[in-house]
mmCIF file of all heavy atoms, coordinates in Angstrom:
data_MODEL
# 
_entry.id   MODEL 
# 
loop_
_atom_site.group_PDB 
_atom_site.id 
_atom_site.type_symbol 
_atom_site.label_atom_id 
_atom_site.label_alt_id 
_atom_site.label_comp_id 
_atom_site.label_asym_id 
_atom_site.label_entity_id 
_atom_site.label_seq_id 
_atom_site.pdbx_PDB_ins_code 
_atom_site.Cartn_x 
_atom_site.Cartn_y 
_atom_site.Cartn_z 
_atom_site.occupancy 
_atom_site.B_iso_or_equiv 
_atom_site.pdbx_formal_charge 
_atom_site.auth_seq_id 
_atom_site.auth_comp_id 
_atom_site.auth_asym_id 
_atom_site.auth_atom_id 
_atom_site.pdbx_PDB_model_num 
ATOM 1   N N   . ASP A 1 1  ? 98.854  114.236 141.476 1.00 0.00 ? 1  ASP A N   1 
ATOM 2   C CA  . ASP A 1 1  ? 97.445  114.286 141.176 1.00 0.00 ? 1  ASP A CA  1 
ATOM 3   C C   . ASP A 1 1  ? 97.068  112.876 140.648 1.00 0.00 ? 1  ASP A C   1 
ATOM 4   O O   . ASP A 1 1  ? 96.802  112.747 139.417 1.00 0.00 ? 1  ASP A O   1 
ATOM 5   C CB  . ASP A 1 1  ? 97.155  115.376 140.194 1.00 0.00 ? 1  ASP A CB  1 
ATOM 6   C CG  . ASP A 1 1  ? 95.698  115.598 139.931 1.00 0.00 ? 1  ASP A CG  1 
ATOM 7   O OD1 . ASP A 1 1  ? 94.863  115.040 140.661 1.00 0.00 ? 1  ASP A OD1 1 
ATOM 8   O OD2 . ASP A 1 1  ? 95.387  116.445 138.963 1.00 0.00 ? 1  ASP A OD2 1 
ATOM 9   N N   . PRO A 1 2  ? 97.007  111.886 141.494 1.00 0.00 ? 2  PRO A N   1 
ATOM 10  C CA  . PRO A 1 2  ? 97.003  110.503 140.993 1.00 0.00 ? 2  PRO A CA  1 
ATOM 11  C C   . PRO A 1 2  ? 95.641  110.060 140.369 1.00 0.00 ? 2  PRO A C   1 
ATOM 12  O O   . PRO A 1 2  ? 95.642  109.021 139.684 1.00 0.00 ? 2  PRO A O   1 
ATOM 13  C CB  . PRO A 1 2  ? 97.260  109.689 142.263 1.00 0.00 ? 2  PRO A CB  1 
ATOM 14  C CG  . PRO A 1 2  ? 96.890  110.576 143.405 1.00 0.00 ? 2  PRO A CG  1 
ATOM 15  C CD  . PRO A 1 2  ? 97.118  111.925 142.948 1.00 0.00 ? 2  PRO A CD  1 
ATOM 16  N N   . LEU A 1 3  ? 94.611  110.784 140.510 1.00 0.00 ? 3  LEU A N   1 
ATOM 17  C CA  . LEU A 1 3  ? 93.319  110.385 139.933 1.00 0.00 ? 3  LEU A CA  1 
ATOM 18  C C   . LEU A 1 3  ? 93.170  110.868 138.450 1.00 0.00 ? 3  LEU A C   1 
ATOM 19  O O   . LEU A 1 3  ? 92.365  110.284 137.762 1.00 0.00 ? 3  LEU A O   1 
ATOM 20  C CB  . LEU A 1 3  ? 92.140  110.918 140.746 1.00 0.00 ? 3  LEU A CB  1 
ATOM 21  C CG  . LEU A 1 3  ? 92.029  110.337 142.149 1.00 0.00 ? 3  LEU A CG  1 
ATOM 22  C CD1 . LEU A 1 3  ? 90.948  111.054 142.967 1.00 0.00 ? 3  LEU A CD1 1 
ATOM 23  C CD2 . LEU A 1 3  ? 91.653  108.875 142.075 1.00 0.00 ? 3  LEU A CD2 1 
ATOM 24  N N   . ALA A 1 4  ? 94.039  111.810 138.088 1.00 0.00 ? 4  ALA A N   1 
ATOM 25  C CA  . ALA A 1 4  ? 93.881  112.462 136.780 1.00 0.00 ? 4  ALA A CA  1 
ATOM 26  C C   . ALA A 1 4  ? 94.998  112.170 135.842 1.00 0.00 ? 4  ALA A C   1 
ATOM 27  O O   . ALA A 1 4  ? 96.148  111.851 136.296 1.00 0.00 ? 4  ALA A O   1 
ATOM 28  C CB  . ALA A 1 4  ? 93.760  113.978 136.964 1.00 0.00 ? 4  ALA A CB  1 
ATOM 29  N N   . MET A 1 5  ? 94.764  112.276 134.529 1.00 0.00 ? 5  MET A N   1 
ATOM 30  C CA  . MET A 1 5  ? 95.751  112.259 133.534 1.00 0.00 ? 5  MET A CA  1 
ATOM 31  C C   . MET A 1 5  ? 95.492  113.511 132.656 1.00 0.00 ? 5  MET A C   1 
ATOM 32  O O   . MET A 1 5  ? 94.429  114.127 132.745 1.00 0.00 ? 5  MET A O   1 
ATOM 33  C CB  . MET A 1 5  ? 95.675  111.036 132.687 1.00 0.00 ? 5  MET A CB  1 
ATOM 34  C CG  . MET A 1 5  ? 94.450  110.858 131.935 1.00 0.00 ? 5  MET A CG  1 
ATOM 35  S SD  . MET A 1 5  ? 94.572  109.925 130.408 1.00 0.00 ? 5  MET A SD  1 
ATOM 36  C CE  . MET A 1 5  ? 95.654  110.911 129.453 1.00 0.00 ? 5  MET A CE  1 
ATOM 37  N N   . ARG A 1 6  ? 96.453  113.844 131.900 1.00 0.00 ? 6  ARG A N   1 
ATOM 38  C CA  . ARG A 1 6  ? 96.361  115.086 131.025 1.00 0.00 ? 6  ARG A CA  1 
ATOM 39  C C   . ARG A 1 6  ? 96.786  114.765 129.648 1.00 0.00 ? 6  ARG A C   1 
ATOM 40  O O   . ARG A 1 6  ? 97.709  113.968 129.414 1.00 0.00 ? 6  ARG A O   1 
ATOM 41  C CB  . ARG A 1 6  ? 97.200  116.166 131.597 1.00 0.00 ? 6  ARG A CB  1 
ATOM 42  C CG  . ARG A 1 6  ? 96.618  116.724 132.879 1.00 0.00 ? 6  ARG A CG  1 
ATOM 43  C CD  . ARG A 1 6  ? 97.561  117.657 133.659 1.00 0.00 ? 6  ARG A CD  1 
ATOM 44  N NE  . ARG A 1 6  ? 96.864  118.265 134.838 1.00 0.00 ? 6  ARG A NE  1 
ATOM 45  C CZ  . ARG A 1 6  ? 96.485  117.619 135.907 1.00 0.00 ? 6  ARG A CZ  1 
ATOM 46  N NH1 . ARG A 1 6  ? 96.710  116.348 136.061 1.00 0.00 ? 6  ARG A NH1 1 
ATOM 47  N NH2 . ARG A 1 6  ? 95.843  118.245 136.869 1.00 0.00 ? 6  ARG A NH2 1 
ATOM 48  N N   . ILE A 1 7  ? 96.193  115.460 128.687 1.00 0.00 ? 7  ILE A N   1 
ATOM 49  C CA  . ILE A 1 7  ? 96.611  115.458 127.309 1.00 0.00 ? 7  ILE A CA  1 
ATOM 50  C C   . ILE A 1 7  ? 96.935  116.905 126.978 1.00 0.00 ? 7  ILE A C   1 
ATOM 51  O O   . ILE A 1 7  ? 96.087  117.788 127.133 1.00 0.00 ? 7  ILE A O   1 
ATOM 52  C CB  . ILE A 1 7  ? 95.547  114.903 126.351 1.00 0.00 ? 7  ILE A CB  1 
ATOM 53  C CG1 . ILE A 1 7  ? 95.247  113.465 126.703 1.00 0.00 ? 7  ILE A CG1 1 
ATOM 54  C CG2 . ILE A 1 7  ? 96.050  115.027 124.922 1.00 0.00 ? 7  ILE A CG2 1 
ATOM 55  C CD1 . ILE A 1 7  ? 94.161  112.825 125.808 1.00 0.00 ? 7  ILE A CD1 1 
ATOM 56  N N   . VAL A 1 8  ? 98.204  117.161 126.518 1.00 0.00 ? 8  VAL A N   1 
ATOM 57  C CA  . VAL A 1 8  ? 98.608  118.452 126.166 1.00 0.00 ? 8  VAL A CA  1 
ATOM 58  C C   . VAL A 1 8  ? 98.657  118.649 124.657 1.00 0.00 ? 8  VAL A C   1 
ATOM 59  O O   . VAL A 1 8  ? 99.351  117.873 124.003 1.00 0.00 ? 8  VAL A O   1 
ATOM 60  C CB  . VAL A 1 8  ? 100.047 118.735 126.794 1.00 0.00 ? 8  VAL A CB  1 
ATOM 61  C CG1 . VAL A 1 8  ? 100.450 120.148 126.519 1.00 0.00 ? 8  VAL A CG1 1 
ATOM 62  C CG2 . VAL A 1 8  ? 100.044 118.456 128.298 1.00 0.00 ? 8  VAL A CG2 1 
ATOM 63  N N   . PHE A 1 9  ? 97.793  119.513 124.203 1.00 0.00 ? 9  PHE A N   1 
ATOM 64  C CA  . PHE A 1 9  ? 97.718  119.822 122.796 1.00 0.00 ? 9  PHE A CA  1 
ATOM 65  C C   . PHE A 1 9  ? 98.597  121.034 122.459 1.00 0.00 ? 9  PHE A C   1 
ATOM 66  O O   . PHE A 1 9  ? 98.586  121.953 123.246 1.00 0.00 ? 9  PHE A O   1 
ATOM 67  C CB  . PHE A 1 9  ? 96.348  120.109 122.352 1.00 0.00 ? 9  PHE A CB  1 
ATOM 68  C CG  . PHE A 1 9  ? 95.447  118.848 122.365 1.00 0.00 ? 9  PHE A CG  1 
ATOM 69  C CD1 . PHE A 1 9  ? 94.745  118.540 123.541 1.00 0.00 ? 9  PHE A CD1 1 
ATOM 70  C CD2 . PHE A 1 9  ? 95.262  118.030 121.305 1.00 0.00 ? 9  PHE A CD2 1 
ATOM 71  C CE1 . PHE A 1 9  ? 93.922  117.363 123.561 1.00 0.00 ? 9  PHE A CE1 1 
ATOM 72  C CE2 . PHE A 1 9  ? 94.422  116.943 121.269 1.00 0.00 ? 9  PHE A CE2 1 
ATOM 73  C CZ  . PHE A 1 9  ? 93.793  116.626 122.425 1.00 0.00 ? 9  PHE A CZ  1 
ATOM 74  N N   . PRO A 1 10 ? 99.311  121.056 121.324 1.00 0.00 ? 10 PRO A N   1 
ATOM 75  C CA  . PRO A 1 10 ? 100.110 122.184 121.014 1.00 0.00 ? 10 PRO A CA  1 
ATOM 76  C C   . PRO A 1 10 ? 99.333  123.443 120.685 1.00 0.00 ? 10 PRO A C   1 
ATOM 77  O O   . PRO A 1 10 ? 98.208  123.379 120.254 1.00 0.00 ? 10 PRO A O   1 
ATOM 78  C CB  . PRO A 1 10 ? 100.948 121.678 119.853 1.00 0.00 ? 10 PRO A CB  1 
ATOM 79  C CG  . PRO A 1 10 ? 100.036 120.659 119.193 1.00 0.00 ? 10 PRO A CG  1 
ATOM 80  C CD  . PRO A 1 10 ? 99.306  120.022 120.329 1.00 0.00 ? 10 PRO A CD  1 
ATOM 81  N N   . ALA A 1 11 ? 100.036 124.567 120.800 1.00 0.00 ? 11 ALA A N   1 
ATOM 82  C CA  . ALA A 1 11 ? 99.376  125.878 120.480 1.00 0.00 ? 11 ALA A CA  1 
ATOM 83  C C   . ALA A 1 11 ? 98.853  125.915 119.108 1.00 0.00 ? 11 ALA A C   1 
ATOM 84  O O   . ALA A 1 11 ? 97.855  126.616 118.837 1.00 0.00 ? 11 ALA A O   1 
ATOM 85  C CB  . ALA A 1 11 ? 100.388 127.005 120.820 1.00 0.00 ? 11 ALA A CB  1 
ATOM 86  N N   . ALA A 1 12 ? 99.480  125.227 118.227 1.00 0.00 ? 12 ALA A N   1 
ATOM 87  C CA  . ALA A 1 12 ? 99.105  125.321 116.717 1.00 0.00 ? 12 ALA A CA  1 
ATOM 88  C C   . ALA A 1 12 ? 97.699  124.880 116.517 1.00 0.00 ? 12 ALA A C   1 
ATOM 89  O O   . ALA A 1 12 ? 97.175  125.259 115.478 1.00 0.00 ? 12 ALA A O   1 
ATOM 90  C CB  . ALA A 1 12 ? 100.075 124.528 115.944 1.00 0.00 ? 12 ALA A CB  1 
ATOM 91  N N   . VAL A 1 13 ? 97.119  124.078 117.386 1.00 0.00 ? 13 VAL A N   1 
ATOM 92  C CA  . VAL A 1 13 ? 95.755  123.580 117.091 1.00 0.00 ? 13 VAL A CA  1 
ATOM 93  C C   . VAL A 1 13 ? 94.713  124.283 117.953 1.00 0.00 ? 13 VAL A C   1 
ATOM 94  O O   . VAL A 1 13 ? 93.524  123.895 117.936 1.00 0.00 ? 13 VAL A O   1 
ATOM 95  C CB  . VAL A 1 13 ? 95.631  122.088 117.212 1.00 0.00 ? 13 VAL A CB  1 
ATOM 96  C CG1 . VAL A 1 13 ? 96.516  121.323 116.214 1.00 0.00 ? 13 VAL A CG1 1 
ATOM 97  C CG2 . VAL A 1 13 ? 95.949  121.612 118.660 1.00 0.00 ? 13 VAL A CG2 1 
ATOM 98  N N   . SER A 1 14 ? 95.075  125.223 118.755 1.00 0.00 ? 14 SER A N   1 
ATOM 99  C CA  . SER A 1 14 ? 94.128  125.881 119.601 1.00 0.00 ? 14 SER A CA  1 
ATOM 100 C C   . SER A 1 14 ? 93.523  127.135 118.979 1.00 0.00 ? 14 SER A C   1 
ATOM 101 O O   . SER A 1 14 ? 94.070  127.661 118.021 1.00 0.00 ? 14 SER A O   1 
ATOM 102 C CB  . SER A 1 14 ? 94.787  126.314 121.002 1.00 0.00 ? 14 SER A CB  1 
ATOM 103 O OG  . SER A 1 14 ? 95.602  127.459 120.770 1.00 0.00 ? 14 SER A OG  1 
ATOM 104 N N   . LEU A 1 15 ? 92.409  127.583 119.517 1.00 0.00 ? 15 LEU A N   1 
ATOM 105 C CA  . LEU A 1 15 ? 91.707  128.727 118.978 1.00 0.00 ? 15 LEU A CA  1 
ATOM 106 C C   . LEU A 1 15 ? 92.420  130.016 119.309 1.00 0.00 ? 15 LEU A C   1 
ATOM 107 O O   . LEU A 1 15 ? 92.368  131.017 118.616 1.00 0.00 ? 15 LEU A O   1 
ATOM 108 C CB  . LEU A 1 15 ? 90.289  128.758 119.468 1.00 0.00 ? 15 LEU A CB  1 
ATOM 109 C CG  . LEU A 1 15 ? 89.387  127.675 119.016 1.00 0.00 ? 15 LEU A CG  1 
ATOM 110 C CD1 . LEU A 1 15 ? 87.992  127.744 119.721 1.00 0.00 ? 15 LEU A CD1 1 
ATOM 111 C CD2 . LEU A 1 15 ? 89.240  127.654 117.544 1.00 0.00 ? 15 LEU A CD2 1 
ATOM 112 N N   . ASP A 1 16 ? 93.119  130.057 120.463 1.00 0.00 ? 16 ASP A N   1 
ATOM 113 C CA  . ASP A 1 16 ? 93.830  131.263 120.897 1.00 0.00 ? 16 ASP A CA  1 
ATOM 114 C C   . ASP A 1 16 ? 95.309  131.268 120.853 1.00 0.00 ? 16 ASP A C   1 
ATOM 115 O O   . ASP A 1 16 ? 95.988  132.102 121.297 1.00 0.00 ? 16 ASP A O   1 
ATOM 116 C CB  . ASP A 1 16 ? 93.391  131.595 122.363 1.00 0.00 ? 16 ASP A CB  1 
ATOM 117 C CG  . ASP A 1 16 ? 93.838  130.499 123.384 1.00 0.00 ? 16 ASP A CG  1 
ATOM 118 O OD1 . ASP A 1 16 ? 94.478  129.563 122.975 1.00 0.00 ? 16 ASP A OD1 1 
ATOM 119 O OD2 . ASP A 1 16 ? 93.450  130.673 124.565 1.00 0.00 ? 16 ASP A OD2 1 
ATOM 120 N N   . GLY A 1 17 ? 95.867  130.226 120.170 1.00 0.00 ? 17 GLY A N   1 
ATOM 121 C CA  . GLY A 1 17 ? 97.311  130.173 119.931 1.00 0.00 ? 17 GLY A CA  1 
ATOM 122 C C   . GLY A 1 17 ? 98.085  129.833 121.185 1.00 0.00 ? 17 GLY A C   1 
ATOM 123 O O   . GLY A 1 17 ? 99.307  130.024 121.240 1.00 0.00 ? 17 GLY A O   1 
ATOM 124 N N   . ARG A 1 18 ? 97.462  129.204 122.197 1.00 0.00 ? 18 ARG A N   1 
ATOM 125 C CA  . ARG A 1 18 ? 98.176  128.738 123.381 1.00 0.00 ? 18 ARG A CA  1 
ATOM 126 C C   . ARG A 1 18 ? 97.947  127.238 123.520 1.00 0.00 ? 18 ARG A C   1 
ATOM 127 O O   . ARG A 1 18 ? 97.007  126.727 123.090 1.00 0.00 ? 18 ARG A O   1 
ATOM 128 C CB  . ARG A 1 18 ? 97.582  129.479 124.645 1.00 0.00 ? 18 ARG A CB  1 
ATOM 129 C CG  . ARG A 1 18 ? 97.931  130.939 124.690 1.00 0.00 ? 18 ARG A CG  1 
ATOM 130 C CD  . ARG A 1 18 ? 97.626  131.547 126.001 1.00 0.00 ? 18 ARG A CD  1 
ATOM 131 N NE  . ARG A 1 18 ? 96.113  131.676 126.031 1.00 0.00 ? 18 ARG A NE  1 
ATOM 132 C CZ  . ARG A 1 18 ? 95.467  132.294 126.966 1.00 0.00 ? 18 ARG A CZ  1 
ATOM 133 N NH1 . ARG A 1 18 ? 96.124  132.839 128.009 1.00 0.00 ? 18 ARG A NH1 1 
ATOM 134 N NH2 . ARG A 1 18 ? 94.199  132.401 126.890 1.00 0.00 ? 18 ARG A NH2 1 
ATOM 135 N N   . GLU A 1 19 ? 98.986  126.599 124.211 1.00 0.00 ? 19 GLU A N   1 
ATOM 136 C CA  . GLU A 1 19 ? 98.845  125.220 124.525 1.00 0.00 ? 19 GLU A CA  1 
ATOM 137 C C   . GLU A 1 19 ? 97.552  124.909 125.245 1.00 0.00 ? 19 GLU A C   1 
ATOM 138 O O   . GLU A 1 19 ? 97.134  125.698 126.120 1.00 0.00 ? 19 GLU A O   1 
ATOM 139 C CB  . GLU A 1 19 ? 100.050 124.849 125.367 1.00 0.00 ? 19 GLU A CB  1 
ATOM 140 C CG  . GLU A 1 19 ? 100.178 123.450 125.784 1.00 0.00 ? 19 GLU A CG  1 
ATOM 141 C CD  . GLU A 1 19 ? 101.434 123.182 126.599 1.00 0.00 ? 19 GLU A CD  1 
ATOM 142 O OE1 . GLU A 1 19 ? 101.359 123.375 127.834 1.00 0.00 ? 19 GLU A OE1 1 
ATOM 143 O OE2 . GLU A 1 19 ? 102.460 122.864 126.054 1.00 0.00 ? 19 GLU A OE2 1 
ATOM 144 N N   . VAL A 1 20 ? 96.950  123.792 124.922 1.00 0.00 ? 20 VAL A N   1 
ATOM 145 C CA  . VAL A 1 20 ? 95.675  123.438 125.594 1.00 0.00 ? 20 VAL A CA  1 
ATOM 146 C C   . VAL A 1 20 ? 95.962  122.099 126.354 1.00 0.00 ? 20 VAL A C   1 
ATOM 147 O O   . VAL A 1 20 ? 96.464  121.166 125.829 1.00 0.00 ? 20 VAL A O   1 
ATOM 148 C CB  . VAL A 1 20 ? 94.576  123.188 124.603 1.00 0.00 ? 20 VAL A CB  1 
ATOM 149 C CG1 . VAL A 1 20 ? 93.277  122.665 125.232 1.00 0.00 ? 20 VAL A CG1 1 
ATOM 150 C CG2 . VAL A 1 20 ? 94.287  124.488 123.783 1.00 0.00 ? 20 VAL A CG2 1 
ATOM 151 N N   . VAL A 1 21 ? 95.553  122.081 127.584 1.00 0.00 ? 21 VAL A N   1 
ATOM 152 C CA  . VAL A 1 21 ? 95.649  120.931 128.490 1.00 0.00 ? 21 VAL A CA  1 
ATOM 153 C C   . VAL A 1 21 ? 94.317  120.424 128.896 1.00 0.00 ? 21 VAL A C   1 
ATOM 154 O O   . VAL A 1 21 ? 93.534  121.220 129.543 1.00 0.00 ? 21 VAL A O   1 
ATOM 155 C CB  . VAL A 1 21 ? 96.494  121.205 129.741 1.00 0.00 ? 21 VAL A CB  1 
ATOM 156 C CG1 . VAL A 1 21 ? 96.715  119.962 130.581 1.00 0.00 ? 21 VAL A CG1 1 
ATOM 157 C CG2 . VAL A 1 21 ? 97.936  121.769 129.321 1.00 0.00 ? 21 VAL A CG2 1 
ATOM 158 N N   . TRP A 1 22 ? 93.938  119.217 128.591 1.00 0.00 ? 22 TRP A N   1 
ATOM 159 C CA  . TRP A 1 22 ? 92.717  118.624 129.057 1.00 0.00 ? 22 TRP A CA  1 
ATOM 160 C C   . TRP A 1 22 ? 93.036  117.590 130.195 1.00 0.00 ? 22 TRP A C   1 
ATOM 161 O O   . TRP A 1 22 ? 93.875  116.748 130.029 1.00 0.00 ? 22 TRP A O   1 
ATOM 162 C CB  . TRP A 1 22 ? 91.965  117.889 127.990 1.00 0.00 ? 22 TRP A CB  1 
ATOM 163 C CG  . TRP A 1 22 ? 91.209  118.763 127.103 1.00 0.00 ? 22 TRP A CG  1 
ATOM 164 C CD1 . TRP A 1 22 ? 91.541  119.520 126.030 1.00 0.00 ? 22 TRP A CD1 1 
ATOM 165 C CD2 . TRP A 1 22 ? 89.823  119.138 127.348 1.00 0.00 ? 22 TRP A CD2 1 
ATOM 166 N NE1 . TRP A 1 22 ? 90.489  120.227 125.504 1.00 0.00 ? 22 TRP A NE1 1 
ATOM 167 C CE2 . TRP A 1 22 ? 89.409  119.981 126.343 1.00 0.00 ? 22 TRP A CE2 1 
ATOM 168 C CE3 . TRP A 1 22 ? 88.800  118.708 128.304 1.00 0.00 ? 22 TRP A CE3 1 
ATOM 169 C CZ2 . TRP A 1 22 ? 88.157  120.567 126.263 1.00 0.00 ? 22 TRP A CZ2 1 
ATOM 170 C CZ3 . TRP A 1 22 ? 87.553  119.254 128.225 1.00 0.00 ? 22 TRP A CZ3 1 
ATOM 171 C CH2 . TRP A 1 22 ? 87.224  120.130 127.215 1.00 0.00 ? 22 TRP A CH2 1 
ATOM 172 N N   . ALA A 1 23 ? 92.441  117.740 131.335 1.00 0.00 ? 23 ALA A N   1 
ATOM 173 C CA  . ALA A 1 23 ? 92.656  116.844 132.482 1.00 0.00 ? 23 ALA A CA  1 
ATOM 174 C C   . ALA A 1 23 ? 91.305  116.082 132.629 1.00 0.00 ? 23 ALA A C   1 
ATOM 175 O O   . ALA A 1 23 ? 90.264  116.651 132.619 1.00 0.00 ? 23 ALA A O   1 
ATOM 176 C CB  . ALA A 1 23 ? 93.031  117.591 133.704 1.00 0.00 ? 23 ALA A CB  1 
ATOM 177 N N   . PHE A 1 24 ? 91.535  114.749 132.890 1.00 0.00 ? 24 PHE A N   1 
ATOM 178 C CA  . PHE A 1 24 ? 90.353  114.009 133.186 1.00 0.00 ? 24 PHE A CA  1 
ATOM 179 C C   . PHE A 1 24 ? 90.734  112.709 133.883 1.00 0.00 ? 24 PHE A C   1 
ATOM 180 O O   . PHE A 1 24 ? 91.941  112.450 134.061 1.00 0.00 ? 24 PHE A O   1 
ATOM 181 C CB  . PHE A 1 24 ? 89.498  113.647 131.917 1.00 0.00 ? 24 PHE A CB  1 
ATOM 182 C CG  . PHE A 1 24 ? 90.292  113.007 130.824 1.00 0.00 ? 24 PHE A CG  1 
ATOM 183 C CD1 . PHE A 1 24 ? 90.374  111.624 130.666 1.00 0.00 ? 24 PHE A CD1 1 
ATOM 184 C CD2 . PHE A 1 24 ? 91.058  113.775 129.901 1.00 0.00 ? 24 PHE A CD2 1 
ATOM 185 C CE1 . PHE A 1 24 ? 91.084  111.070 129.682 1.00 0.00 ? 24 PHE A CE1 1 
ATOM 186 C CE2 . PHE A 1 24 ? 91.761  113.183 128.921 1.00 0.00 ? 24 PHE A CE2 1 
ATOM 187 C CZ  . PHE A 1 24 ? 91.826  111.854 128.770 1.00 0.00 ? 24 PHE A CZ  1 
ATOM 188 N N   . ALA A 1 25 ? 89.747  112.010 134.418 1.00 0.00 ? 25 ALA A N   1 
ATOM 189 C CA  . ALA A 1 25 ? 90.069  110.797 135.196 1.00 0.00 ? 25 ALA A CA  1 
ATOM 190 C C   . ALA A 1 25 ? 90.825  109.767 134.471 1.00 0.00 ? 25 ALA A C   1 
ATOM 191 O O   . ALA A 1 25 ? 90.446  109.391 133.354 1.00 0.00 ? 25 ALA A O   1 
ATOM 192 C CB  . ALA A 1 25 ? 88.768  110.262 135.800 1.00 0.00 ? 25 ALA A CB  1 
# 
């Protein structure tokens, strides 16, 4: 997926207790 990068946030900082992944250009 060469146009995008991701930042993976740990479950401890999410509202629902799951890992959060933000993808953007």
